[in-house]
Amino acid sequence: MPTEDTPRFQRWQDCTNVYDFLEQIRLRPGMWLPGGSLLHLQSLLVGYRAALSIHSIDEPFAFWPEEHFTQWLSEHHGMSSSVGWAAEIERNTPDGSTPIEEFFRLLDAFSSSVTDSSTKA
């Protein structure tokens, strides 16, 4: 039974930014990520970023190589690699977890750190 904390499913077309889109993926990862591969997620996000550029939409985007999410992974978790954040998370997924679960755990921590630093400024 849904609770107040249960994310509401909305149509992906109603998403207003990349984080809304990622929440849709979190709710139904099997629909978006065949085989649970973060490389598929990284490809989706590259396509998302390309669409922003094509349509001249200015939206902060932390998931490009060498952008904020990658920098945060390196600084806070020692994950730094030329193969990109998706491969690095897959390589470092702890036993008992999946790469998708690990990505969303890290995304939540990243989002909290960004929110915390913006409220302290």
Protein backbone atom coordinates (compact mmCIF):
# COMPACT_ATOMS: atom_id res chain seq x y z
CA MET A 1 0.00 0.00 0.00
CA PRO A 2 1.43 3.44 -0.93
CA THR A 3 2.47 5.76 1.89
CA GLU A 4 3.35 9.45 1.99
CA ASP A 5 6.99 8.51 1.43
CA THR A 6 6.22 6.37 -1.61
CA PRO A 7 7.19 8.27 -4.77
CA ARG A 8 4.23 8.97 -6.99
CA PHE A 9 4.56 7.63 -10.45
CA GLN A 10 4.17 10.37 -12.97
CA ARG A 11 4.47 10.22 -16.69
CA TRP A 12 8.08 10.67 -17.78
CA GLN A 13 6.87 13.42 -20.11
CA ASP A 14 5.96 15.45 -17.00
CA CYS A 15 9.53 15.48 -15.71
CA THR A 16 10.94 18.99 -15.35
CA ASN A 17 14.64 18.17 -14.96
CA VAL A 18 17.19 15.37 -14.99
CA TYR A 19 16.51 14.51 -11.34
CA ASP A 20 12.79 13.97 -12.04
CA PHE A 21 13.82 11.74 -14.95
CA LEU A 22 16.19 9.78 -12.70
CA GLU A 23 13.35 9.28 -10.21
CA GLN A 24 11.30 7.68 -12.99
CA ILE A 25 14.21 5.34 -13.67
CA ARG A 26 14.51 4.57 -9.95
CA LEU A 27 10.83 3.58 -9.85
CA ARG A 28 11.08 1.25 -12.86
CA PRO A 29 14.72 0.42 -13.54
CA GLY A 30 13.89 -2.75 -15.49
CA MET A 31 11.88 -0.73 -17.98
CA TRP A 32 14.69 1.77 -18.61
CA LEU A 33 17.90 -0.23 -18.10
CA PRO A 34 18.07 -3.59 -19.85
CA GLY A 35 20.06 -6.03 -17.76
CA GLY A 36 20.54 -3.42 -15.03
CA SER A 37 23.55 -1.88 -16.73
CA LEU A 38 24.68 1.57 -15.65
CA LEU A 39 26.22 1.97 -19.10
CA HIS A 40 22.65 2.08 -20.40
CA LEU A 41 21.88 4.76 -17.82
CA GLN A 42 24.93 6.75 -18.84
CA SER A 43 23.81 6.51 -22.49
CA LEU A 44 20.31 7.70 -21.56
CA LEU A 45 21.80 10.67 -19.76
CA VAL A 46 24.05 11.52 -22.71
CA GLY A 47 20.92 11.50 -24.87
CA TYR A 48 19.12 13.67 -22.32
CA ARG A 49 22.00 16.17 -22.41
CA ALA A 50 22.07 16.14 -26.20
CA ALA A 51 18.33 16.91 -26.28
CA LEU A 52 18.88 19.85 -23.94
CA SER A 53 21.47 21.24 -26.34
CA ILE A 54 19.40 20.64 -29.44
CA HIS A 55 16.43 22.45 -27.90
CA SER A 56 18.57 25.24 -26.39
CA ILE A 57 17.48 24.41 -22.85
CA ASP A 58 19.78 25.67 -20.12
CA GLU A 59 19.62 23.13 -17.30
CA PRO A 60 22.34 22.26 -14.83
CA PHE A 61 23.67 18.81 -15.71
CA ALA A 62 26.05 17.10 -13.28
CA PHE A 63 26.48 13.78 -15.13
CA TRP A 64 28.74 14.76 -18.01
CA PRO A 65 32.29 13.38 -17.75
CA GLU A 66 34.40 15.67 -15.56
CA GLU A 67 31.30 17.39 -14.19
CA HIS A 68 30.10 17.63 -10.59
CA PHE A 69 28.93 14.03 -10.05
CA THR A 70 32.20 12.59 -11.41
CA GLN A 71 34.24 15.07 -9.36
CA TRP A 72 32.21 14.25 -6.24
CA LEU A 73 32.75 10.49 -6.74
CA SER A 74 36.48 11.07 -6.99
CA GLU A 75 36.68 13.37 -3.97
CA HIS A 76 34.36 11.45 -1.63
CA HIS A 77 34.75 7.83 -2.74
CA GLY A 78 38.08 7.67 -4.54
CA MET A 79 36.33 6.62 -7.76
CA SER A 80 38.31 8.10 -10.59
CA SER A 81 38.68 6.51 -13.98
CA SER A 82 38.94 7.26 -17.65
CA VAL A 83 36.11 4.79 -18.34
CA GLY A 84 33.51 7.03 -16.69
CA TRP A 85 31.30 7.03 -13.62
CA ALA A 86 29.01 4.19 -14.75
CA ALA A 87 31.82 1.68 -15.22
CA GLU A 88 33.51 2.86 -12.03
CA ILE A 89 30.34 2.37 -9.95
CA GLU A 90 29.75 -1.06 -11.53
CA ARG A 91 33.34 -2.02 -10.73
CA ASN A 92 33.02 -0.88 -7.10
CA THR A 93 29.53 -2.17 -6.27
CA PRO A 94 29.72 -3.89 -2.89
CA ASP A 95 28.52 -7.45 -2.35
CA GLY A 96 24.83 -7.57 -1.54
CA SER A 97 24.01 -4.61 -3.76
CA THR A 98 23.45 -4.05 -7.46
CA PRO A 99 25.00 -1.34 -9.63
CA ILE A 100 21.60 0.38 -9.92
CA GLU A 101 21.07 0.35 -6.16
CA GLU A 102 24.59 1.65 -5.67
CA PHE A 103 24.09 4.45 -8.23
CA PHE A 104 20.92 5.65 -6.50
CA ARG A 105 22.55 5.41 -3.07
CA LEU A 106 25.42 7.56 -4.37
CA LEU A 107 23.01 9.91 -6.16
CA ASP A 108 21.12 10.49 -2.90
CA ALA A 109 24.39 11.24 -1.07
CA PHE A 110 25.53 13.54 -3.91
CA SER A 111 22.19 15.37 -3.92
CA SER A 112 22.37 15.81 -0.14
CA SER A 113 25.89 17.19 -0.33
CA VAL A 114 24.90 19.64 -3.07
CA THR A 115 21.86 20.74 -1.06
CA ASP A 116 23.92 21.05 2.13
CA SER A 117 26.63 23.13 0.46
CA SER A 118 24.09 25.45 -1.20
CA THR A 119 22.31 26.11 2.10
CA LYS A 120 25.61 26.85 3.85
CA ALA A 121 26.69 29.37 1.23
